[in-house]
C-alpha atoms as a PDB file:
ATOM      1  CA  MET A   1     153.354  14.425  53.713  1.00  0.00           C
ATOM      2  CA  ALA A   2     152.577  18.131  53.750  1.00  0.00           C
ATOM      3  CA  LYS A   3     149.609  19.735  52.081  1.00  0.00           C
ATOM      4  CA  CYS A   4     150.452  22.438  49.562  1.00  0.00           C
ATOM      5  CA  ILE A   5     149.152  25.582  47.920  1.00  0.00           C
ATOM      6  CA  MET A   6     150.710  27.331  44.928  1.00  0.00           C
ATOM      7  CA  VAL A   7     150.731  31.052  44.126  1.00  0.00           C
ATOM      8  CA  GLN A   8     151.038  31.816  40.411  1.00  0.00           C
ATOM      9  CA  GLY A   9     150.876  35.210  38.736  1.00  0.00           C
ATOM     10  CA  THR A  10     149.586  36.663  35.510  1.00  0.00           C
ATOM     11  CA  MET A  11     153.110  38.054  34.929  1.00  0.00           C
ATOM     12  CA  SER A  12     156.291  38.871  36.804  1.00  0.00           C
ATOM     13  CA  ASN A  13     156.202  41.409  39.645  1.00  0.00           C
ATOM     14  CA  VAL A  14     152.526  40.976  40.526  1.00  0.00           C
ATOM     15  CA  GLY A  15     153.517  40.337  44.149  1.00  0.00           C
ATOM     16  CA  LYS A  16     153.796  36.544  44.281  1.00  0.00           C
ATOM     17  CA  SER A  17     156.837  36.572  46.542  1.00  0.00           C
ATOM     18  CA  LEU A  18     155.270  38.872  49.118  1.00  0.00           C
ATOM     19  CA  LEU A  19     151.990  36.925  49.138  1.00  0.00           C
ATOM     20  CA  VAL A  20     153.899  33.674  49.702  1.00  0.00           C
ATOM     21  CA  THR A  21     155.801  35.417  52.501  1.00  0.00           C
ATOM     22  CA  ALA A  22     152.492  36.501  54.041  1.00  0.00           C
ATOM     23  CA  LEU A  23     150.994  33.009  53.783  1.00  0.00           C
ATOM     24  CA  CYS A  24     154.085  31.509  55.420  1.00  0.00           C
ATOM     25  CA  ARG A  25     153.709  33.938  58.323  1.00  0.00           C
ATOM     26  CA  ILE A  26     149.931  33.381  58.596  1.00  0.00           C
ATOM     27  CA  PHE A  27     150.311  29.591  58.659  1.00  0.00           C
ATOM     28  CA  ARG A  28     153.039  29.922  61.289  1.00  0.00           C
ATOM     29  CA  GLN A  29     150.783  32.138  63.422  1.00  0.00           C
ATOM     30  CA  ASP A  30     148.036  29.537  63.062  1.00  0.00           C
ATOM     31  CA  GLY A  31     150.319  26.885  64.518  1.00  0.00           C
ATOM     32  CA  TYR A  32     151.380  25.059  61.342  1.00  0.00           C
ATOM     33  CA  LYS A  33     154.892  24.156  60.248  1.00  0.00           C
ATOM     34  CA  ALA A  34     155.023  25.825  56.838  1.00  0.00           C
ATOM     35  CA  ALA A  35     157.876  26.143  54.377  1.00  0.00           C
ATOM     36  CA  PRO A  36     158.264  28.066  51.104  1.00  0.00           C
ATOM     37  CA  PHE A  37     159.290  26.432  47.827  1.00  0.00           C
ATOM     38  CA  LYS A  38     160.141  27.744  44.375  1.00  0.00           C
ATOM     39  CA  GLY A  39     161.372  25.179  41.882  1.00  0.00           C
ATOM     40  CA  GLN A  40     163.167  27.730  39.710  1.00  0.00           C
ATOM     41  CA  ASN A  41     163.951  31.347  40.391  1.00  0.00           C
ATOM     42  CA  MET A  42     165.818  33.910  38.324  1.00  0.00           C
ATOM     43  CA  ALA A  43     167.633  36.641  40.222  1.00  0.00           C
ATOM     44  CA  LEU A  44     170.862  38.536  39.844  1.00  0.00           C
ATOM     45  CA  ASN A  45     171.715  38.378  43.542  1.00  0.00           C
ATOM     46  CA  SER A  46     171.532  35.422  45.904  1.00  0.00           C
ATOM     47  CA  TYR A  47     171.476  34.569  49.591  1.00  0.00           C
ATOM     48  CA  LEU A  48     174.423  32.598  50.958  1.00  0.00           C
ATOM     49  CA  THR A  49     173.569  29.990  53.591  1.00  0.00           C
ATOM     50  CA  PRO A  50     175.946  29.257  56.505  1.00  0.00           C
ATOM     51  CA  GLU A  51     177.057  26.173  54.527  1.00  0.00           C
ATOM     52  CA  GLY A  52     178.161  28.447  51.677  1.00  0.00           C
ATOM     53  CA  LEU A  53     175.304  27.441  49.363  1.00  0.00           C
ATOM     54  CA  GLU A  54     173.415  29.904  47.141  1.00  0.00           C
ATOM     55  CA  MET A  55     169.656  30.335  46.951  1.00  0.00           C
ATOM     56  CA  SER A  56     167.151  33.033  46.081  1.00  0.00           C
ATOM     57  CA  ARG A  57     166.861  35.911  48.521  1.00  0.00           C
ATOM     58  CA  ALA A  58     163.073  35.814  48.149  1.00  0.00           C
ATOM     59  CA  GLN A  59     162.912  32.268  49.518  1.00  0.00           C
ATOM     60  CA  ALA A  60     165.259  33.286  52.334  1.00  0.00           C
ATOM     61  CA  VAL A  61     162.810  36.020  53.378  1.00  0.00           C
ATOM     62  CA  GLN A  62     159.903  33.572  53.101  1.00  0.00           C
ATOM     63  CA  ALA A  63     161.760  31.098  55.298  1.00  0.00           C
ATOM     64  CA  TRP A  64     162.262  33.719  57.993  1.00  0.00           C
ATOM     65  CA  ALA A  65     158.553  34.571  57.804  1.00  0.00           C
ATOM     66  CA  ALA A  66     157.825  30.903  58.456  1.00  0.00           C
ATOM     67  CA  GLY A  67     160.200  30.885  61.422  1.00  0.00           C
ATOM     68  CA  LEU A  68     162.815  28.803  59.587  1.00  0.00           C
ATOM     69  CA  GLU A  69     166.421  29.154  58.570  1.00  0.00           C
ATOM     70  CA  PRO A  70     166.835  29.421  54.779  1.00  0.00           C
ATOM     71  CA  ASP A  71     167.459  26.043  53.158  1.00  0.00           C
ATOM     72  CA  VAL A  72     168.538  25.466  49.544  1.00  0.00           C
ATOM     73  CA  ARG A  73     165.810  22.825  49.241  1.00  0.00           C
ATOM     74  CA  MET A  74     163.395  25.773  49.195  1.00  0.00           C
ATOM     75  CA  ASN A  75     164.909  26.917  45.864  1.00  0.00           C
ATOM     76  CA  PRO A  76     166.662  24.011  44.152  1.00  0.00           C
ATOM     77  CA  VAL A  77     167.242  25.795  40.818  1.00  0.00           C
ATOM     78  CA  LEU A  78     168.520  29.371  40.674  1.00  0.00           C
ATOM     79  CA  LEU A  79     169.380  31.174  37.452  1.00  0.00           C
ATOM     80  CA  LYS A  80     171.645  34.209  37.747  1.00  0.00           C
ATOM     81  CA  PRO A  81     171.539  36.198  34.475  1.00  0.00           C
ATOM     82  CA  SER A  82     174.946  36.877  32.933  1.00  0.00           C
ATOM     83  CA  SER A  83     173.603  38.404  29.695  1.00  0.00           C
ATOM     84  CA  ASP A  84     170.312  38.948  27.866  1.00  0.00           C
ATOM     85  CA  THR A  85     170.426  35.336  26.644  1.00  0.00           C
ATOM     86  CA  GLY A  86     172.485  33.439  29.215  1.00  0.00           C
ATOM     87  CA  SER A  87     172.631  32.615  32.923  1.00  0.00           C
ATOM     88  CA  GLN A  88     174.710  30.922  35.539  1.00  0.00           C
ATOM     89  CA  LEU A  89     172.925  27.750  36.677  1.00  0.00           C
ATOM     90  CA  ILE A  90     172.919  26.916  40.388  1.00  0.00           C
ATOM     91  CA  VAL A  91     171.407  23.596  41.498  1.00  0.00           C
ATOM     92  CA  ASN A  92     170.936  22.777  45.173  1.00  0.00           C
ATOM     93  CA  GLY A  93     173.108  25.736  46.064  1.00  0.00           C
ATOM     94  CA  GLN A  94     176.083  24.871  43.847  1.00  0.00           C
ATOM     95  CA  VAL A  95     177.153  26.233  40.453  1.00  0.00           C
ATOM     96  CA  ARG A  96     176.605  23.831  37.544  1.00  0.00           C
ATOM     97  CA  GLY A  97     177.891  26.127  34.809  1.00  0.00           C
ATOM     98  CA  HIS A  98     176.815  28.857  32.401  1.00  0.00           C
ATOM     99  CA  TYR A  99     174.117  28.194  29.807  1.00  0.00           C
ATOM    100  CA  GLN A 100     172.545  30.052  26.933  1.00  0.00           C
ATOM    101  CA  ALA A 101     168.740  30.097  27.086  1.00  0.00           C
ATOM    102  CA  ALA A 102     168.244  27.483  24.349  1.00  0.00           C
ATOM    103  CA  ASP A 103     170.798  25.149  25.938  1.00  0.00           C
ATOM    104  CA  TYR A 104     169.176  25.450  29.353  1.00  0.00           C
ATOM    105  CA  PHE A 105     165.750  24.814  27.830  1.00  0.00           C
ATOM    106  CA  ARG A 106     167.057  21.469  26.542  1.00  0.00           C
ATOM    107  CA  LEU A 107     168.774  20.652  29.858  1.00  0.00           C
ATOM    108  CA  LYS A 108     165.836  21.595  32.059  1.00  0.00           C
ATOM    109  CA  PRO A 109     163.877  18.282  31.987  1.00  0.00           C
ATOM    110  CA  THR A 110     166.914  16.471  33.422  1.00  0.00           C
ATOM    111  CA  LEU A 111     166.686  18.618  36.577  1.00  0.00           C
ATOM    112  CA  THR A 112     163.143  17.539  37.414  1.00  0.00           C
ATOM    113  CA  THR A 113     164.247  14.627  39.618  1.00  0.00           C
ATOM    114  CA  GLU A 114     166.430  16.903  41.761  1.00  0.00           C
ATOM    115  CA  VAL A 115     163.690  19.521  42.070  1.00  0.00           C
ATOM    116  CA  LEU A 116     161.143  16.917  43.162  1.00  0.00           C
ATOM    117  CA  ALA A 117     163.592  15.397  45.634  1.00  0.00           C
ATOM    118  CA  ALA A 118     164.055  18.798  47.274  1.00  0.00           C
ATOM    119  CA  TYR A 119     160.284  19.302  47.413  1.00  0.00           C
ATOM    120  CA  HIS A 120     159.502  15.890  48.885  1.00  0.00           C
ATOM    121  CA  ASN A 121     162.265  16.216  51.489  1.00  0.00           C
ATOM    122  CA  LEU A 122     160.740  19.486  52.664  1.00  0.00           C
ATOM    123  CA  ALA A 123     157.214  18.088  52.526  1.00  0.00           C
ATOM    124  CA  ALA A 124     158.215  15.202  54.805  1.00  0.00           C
ATOM    125  CA  GLU A 125     159.234  17.690  57.521  1.00  0.00           C
ATOM    126  CA  HIS A 126     156.405  20.237  57.362  1.00  0.00           C
ATOM    127  CA  ASP A 127     152.618  20.560  57.480  1.00  0.00           C
ATOM    128  CA  ILE A 128     152.222  22.949  54.536  1.00  0.00           C
ATOM    129  CA  ILE A 129     154.407  23.865  51.564  1.00  0.00           C
ATOM    130  CA  VAL A 130     153.651  27.286  50.070  1.00  0.00           C
ATOM    131  CA  ILE A 131     154.852  27.140  46.467  1.00  0.00           C
ATOM    132  CA  GLU A 132     155.684  30.152  44.316  1.00  0.00           C
ATOM    133  CA  GLY A 133     155.459  30.069  40.542  1.00  0.00           C
ATOM    134  CA  ALA A 134     157.565  32.161  38.172  1.00  0.00           C
ATOM    135  CA  GLY A 135     156.431  34.613  35.511  1.00  0.00           C
ATOM    136  CA  SER A 136     153.110  33.432  34.078  1.00  0.00           C
ATOM    137  CA  PRO A 137     151.588  29.982  33.482  1.00  0.00           C
ATOM    138  CA  ALA A 138     150.128  31.290  30.213  1.00  0.00           C
ATOM    139  CA  GLU A 139     153.432  31.615  28.339  1.00  0.00           C
ATOM    140  CA  ILE A 140     152.171  29.227  25.675  1.00  0.00           C
ATOM    141  CA  ASN A 141     155.501  29.200  23.813  1.00  0.00           C
ATOM    142  CA  LEU A 142     157.178  27.778  26.942  1.00  0.00           C
ATOM    143  CA  ARG A 143     154.486  25.335  28.079  1.00  0.00           C
ATOM    144  CA  GLN A 144     156.340  22.284  26.767  1.00  0.00           C
ATOM    145  CA  GLY A 145     159.342  23.164  28.926  1.00  0.00           C
ATOM    146  CA  ASP A 146     157.375  23.894  32.102  1.00  0.00           C
ATOM    147  CA  CYS A 147     158.784  20.888  33.958  1.00  0.00           C
ATOM    148  CA  PHE A 148     158.799  22.371  37.459  1.00  0.00           C
ATOM    149  CA  VAL A 149     157.967  26.078  37.308  1.00  0.00           C
ATOM    150  CA  ASN A 150     154.224  26.774  37.095  1.00  0.00           C
ATOM    151  CA  MET A 151     151.528  24.291  36.103  1.00  0.00           C
ATOM    152  CA  GLY A 152     154.162  21.644  35.450  1.00  0.00           C
ATOM    153  CA  LEU A 153     155.098  21.652  39.128  1.00  0.00           C
ATOM    154  CA  ALA A 154     151.476  22.010  40.237  1.00  0.00           C
ATOM    155  CA  GLU A 155     150.659  18.796  38.383  1.00  0.00           C
ATOM    156  CA  LEU A 156     153.675  16.936  39.767  1.00  0.00           C
ATOM    157  CA  VAL A 157     152.774  17.688  43.400  1.00  0.00           C
ATOM    158  CA  ASN A 158     148.986  18.002  42.921  1.00  0.00           C
ATOM    159  CA  ALA A 159     148.837  21.608  44.101  1.00  0.00           C
ATOM    160  CA  PRO A 160     145.762  23.841  43.988  1.00  0.00           C
ATOM    161  CA  VAL A 161     146.609  27.234  42.493  1.00  0.00           C
ATOM    162  CA  LEU A 162     145.867  30.823  43.486  1.00  0.00           C
ATOM    163  CA  LEU A 163     146.215  33.149  40.473  1.00  0.00           C
ATOM    164  CA  VAL A 164     147.361  36.693  41.292  1.00  0.00           C
ATOM    165  CA  GLY A 165     147.001  39.835  39.188  1.00  0.00           C
ATOM    166  CA  ASP A 166     148.433  43.327  39.774  1.00  0.00           C
ATOM    167  CA  ILE A 167     145.792  46.067  39.540  1.00  0.00           C
ATOM    168  CA  ASP A 168     148.291  48.876  40.208  1.00  0.00           C
ATOM    169  CA  ARG A 169     149.643  48.726  36.645  1.00  0.00           C
ATOM    170  CA  GLY A 170     146.185  48.463  35.096  1.00  0.00           C
ATOM    171  CA  GLY A 171     144.460  45.819  33.024  1.00  0.00           C
ATOM    172  CA  VAL A 172     143.981  43.355  35.876  1.00  0.00           C
ATOM    173  CA  PHE A 173     140.694  41.925  34.549  1.00  0.00           C
ATOM    174  CA  ALA A 174     142.258  41.237  31.156  1.00  0.00           C
ATOM    175  CA  GLN A 175     145.311  39.737  32.897  1.00  0.00           C
ATOM    176  CA  LEU A 176     143.266  37.300  34.955  1.00  0.00           C
ATOM    177  CA  TYR A 177     140.696  36.421  32.286  1.00  0.00           C
ATOM    178  CA  GLY A 178     143.333  36.031  29.578  1.00  0.00           C
ATOM    179  CA  THR A 179     145.538  33.836  31.734  1.00  0.00           C
ATOM    180  CA  VAL A 180     142.676  31.503  32.660  1.00  0.00           C
ATOM    181  CA  ALA A 181     141.510  31.385  29.023  1.00  0.00           C
ATOM    182  CA  LEU A 182     144.974  30.379  27.752  1.00  0.00           C
ATOM    183  CA  LEU A 183     145.374  27.535  30.223  1.00  0.00           C
ATOM    184  CA  GLU A 184     144.655  24.003  29.107  1.00  0.00           C
ATOM    185  CA  GLU A 185     141.502  22.478  30.597  1.00  0.00           C
ATOM    186  CA  ARG A 186     143.344  20.248  33.056  1.00  0.00           C
ATOM    187  CA  GLU A 187     145.367  23.291  34.192  1.00  0.00           C
ATOM    188  CA  ARG A 188     142.284  25.474  34.500  1.00  0.00           C
ATOM    189  CA  THR A 189     140.698  23.058  36.969  1.00  0.00           C
ATOM    190  CA  ARG A 190     143.644  23.598  39.319  1.00  0.00           C
ATOM    191  CA  VAL A 191     142.887  27.313  39.739  1.00  0.00           C
ATOM    192  CA  VAL A 192     140.815  27.479  42.927  1.00  0.00           C
ATOM    193  CA  GLY A 193     140.682  31.265  43.097  1.00  0.00           C
ATOM    194  CA  THR A 194     142.041  34.570  41.889  1.00  0.00           C
ATOM    195  CA  ILE A 195     143.530  37.397  43.935  1.00  0.00           C
ATOM    196  CA  ILE A 196     143.738  41.052  42.953  1.00  0.00           C
ATOM    197  CA  ASN A 197     146.866  42.561  44.446  1.00  0.00           C
ATOM    198  CA  LYS A 198     148.111  46.115  45.069  1.00  0.00           C
ATOM    199  CA  PHE A 199     144.676  47.758  45.194  1.00  0.00           C
ATOM    200  CA  ARG A 200     144.256  51.418  46.173  1.00  0.00           C
ATOM    201  CA  GLY A 201     140.875  53.022  46.665  1.00  0.00           C
ATOM    202  CA  ASP A 202     137.292  52.052  47.481  1.00  0.00           C
ATOM    203  CA  VAL A 203     136.785  48.302  47.028  1.00  0.00           C
ATOM    204  CA  SER A 204     133.016  48.782  46.596  1.00  0.00           C
ATOM    205  CA  LEU A 205     133.719  50.369  43.187  1.00  0.00           C
ATOM    206  CA  LEU A 206     135.596  47.212  42.205  1.00  0.00           C
ATOM    207  CA  ARG A 207     132.888  44.706  43.110  1.00  0.00           C
ATOM    208  CA  PRO A 208     130.846  44.837  39.865  1.00  0.00           C
ATOM    209  CA  GLY A 209     134.017  43.940  37.973  1.00  0.00           C
ATOM    210  CA  LEU A 210     134.794  41.126  40.418  1.00  0.00           C
ATOM    211  CA  ARG A 211     131.360  39.585  39.872  1.00  0.00           C
ATOM    212  CA  GLN A 212     131.718  39.762  36.091  1.00  0.00           C
ATOM    213  CA  LEU A 213     135.223  38.274  36.261  1.00  0.00           C
ATOM    214  CA  GLU A 214     133.878  35.350  38.281  1.00  0.00           C
ATOM    215  CA  GLU A 215     131.135  34.797  35.698  1.00  0.00           C
ATOM    216  CA  LEU A 216     133.613  34.901  32.798  1.00  0.00           C
ATOM    217  CA  THR A 217     136.216  32.606  34.326  1.00  0.00           C
ATOM    218  CA  GLY A 218     134.093  30.367  36.534  1.00  0.00           C
ATOM    219  CA  VAL A 219     136.693  30.981  39.265  1.00  0.00           C
ATOM    220  CA  PRO A 220     135.933  32.844  42.524  1.00  0.00           C
ATOM    221  CA  VAL A 221     137.802  36.019  43.446  1.00  0.00           C
ATOM    222  CA  LEU A 222     139.159  35.078  46.869  1.00  0.00           C
ATOM    223  CA  GLY A 223     140.649  38.403  47.856  1.00  0.00           C
ATOM    224  CA  VAL A 224     141.559  41.986  47.101  1.00  0.00           C
ATOM    225  CA  VAL A 225     144.863  42.858  48.748  1.00  0.00           C
ATOM    226  CA  PRO A 226     145.580  46.542  49.442  1.00  0.00           C
ATOM    227  CA  TYR A 227     148.735  48.176  48.126  1.00  0.00           C
ATOM    228  CA  ALA A 228     151.403  48.082  50.783  1.00  0.00           C
ATOM    229  CA  LYS A 229     154.889  49.534  50.692  1.00  0.00           C
ATOM    230  CA  VAL A 230     157.237  47.122  52.399  1.00  0.00           C
ATOM    231  CA  ASP A 231     160.923  47.464  53.209  1.00  0.00           C
ATOM    232  CA  ILE A 232     162.099  44.108  51.846  1.00  0.00           C
ATOM    233  CA  ASP A 233     165.093  43.872  49.534  1.00  0.00           C
ATOM    234  CA  ASP A 234     164.031  42.759  46.049  1.00  0.00           C
END
């Protein structure tokens, strides 16, 4: 069974997808068979596999980075928004129907078995699964329904977590500290390191803040990733 690592973010658009893409490529270059996985993604557009099945375009790009063909097992649940409060639900590449947010929230636990089956099938064929979370693990109003998205999935597959914050939009120290502080104790122990993404400038000016963040959270800062413009479709 494959080892795994999970990339979670302090919020949406902190760069989780690109970091997972990079890790998939790095593991491939190091000689490992790696595969991406995201239990649930929300995106307006999708990638169509040769079998005619739909999955997230982000996981398709991550698959290519890992030297693989996109596989719907990499994204078993895809939500395609149809309004501010409703989405089309796609499970294992096939449409299951349209659901309002509250209805999907009630349905969600019943999908856990299918999500785990997809994960374990992939894990049986690869050395490393690089898992991507969605949004933030600190959405305390949604914690009860986190069956297979952030910490819920991390617990199910026993994944260590890298927590990523976006410094380009400001407030990265508050993002990272606040997220760690809002996690439950058992969740907090899963966070093995933080990453500051999209940094521009002289990293030496950042280091005093990194040291203080480590002291406040008890979690090491494992990396500062420079801002990079990449030509990858959202």
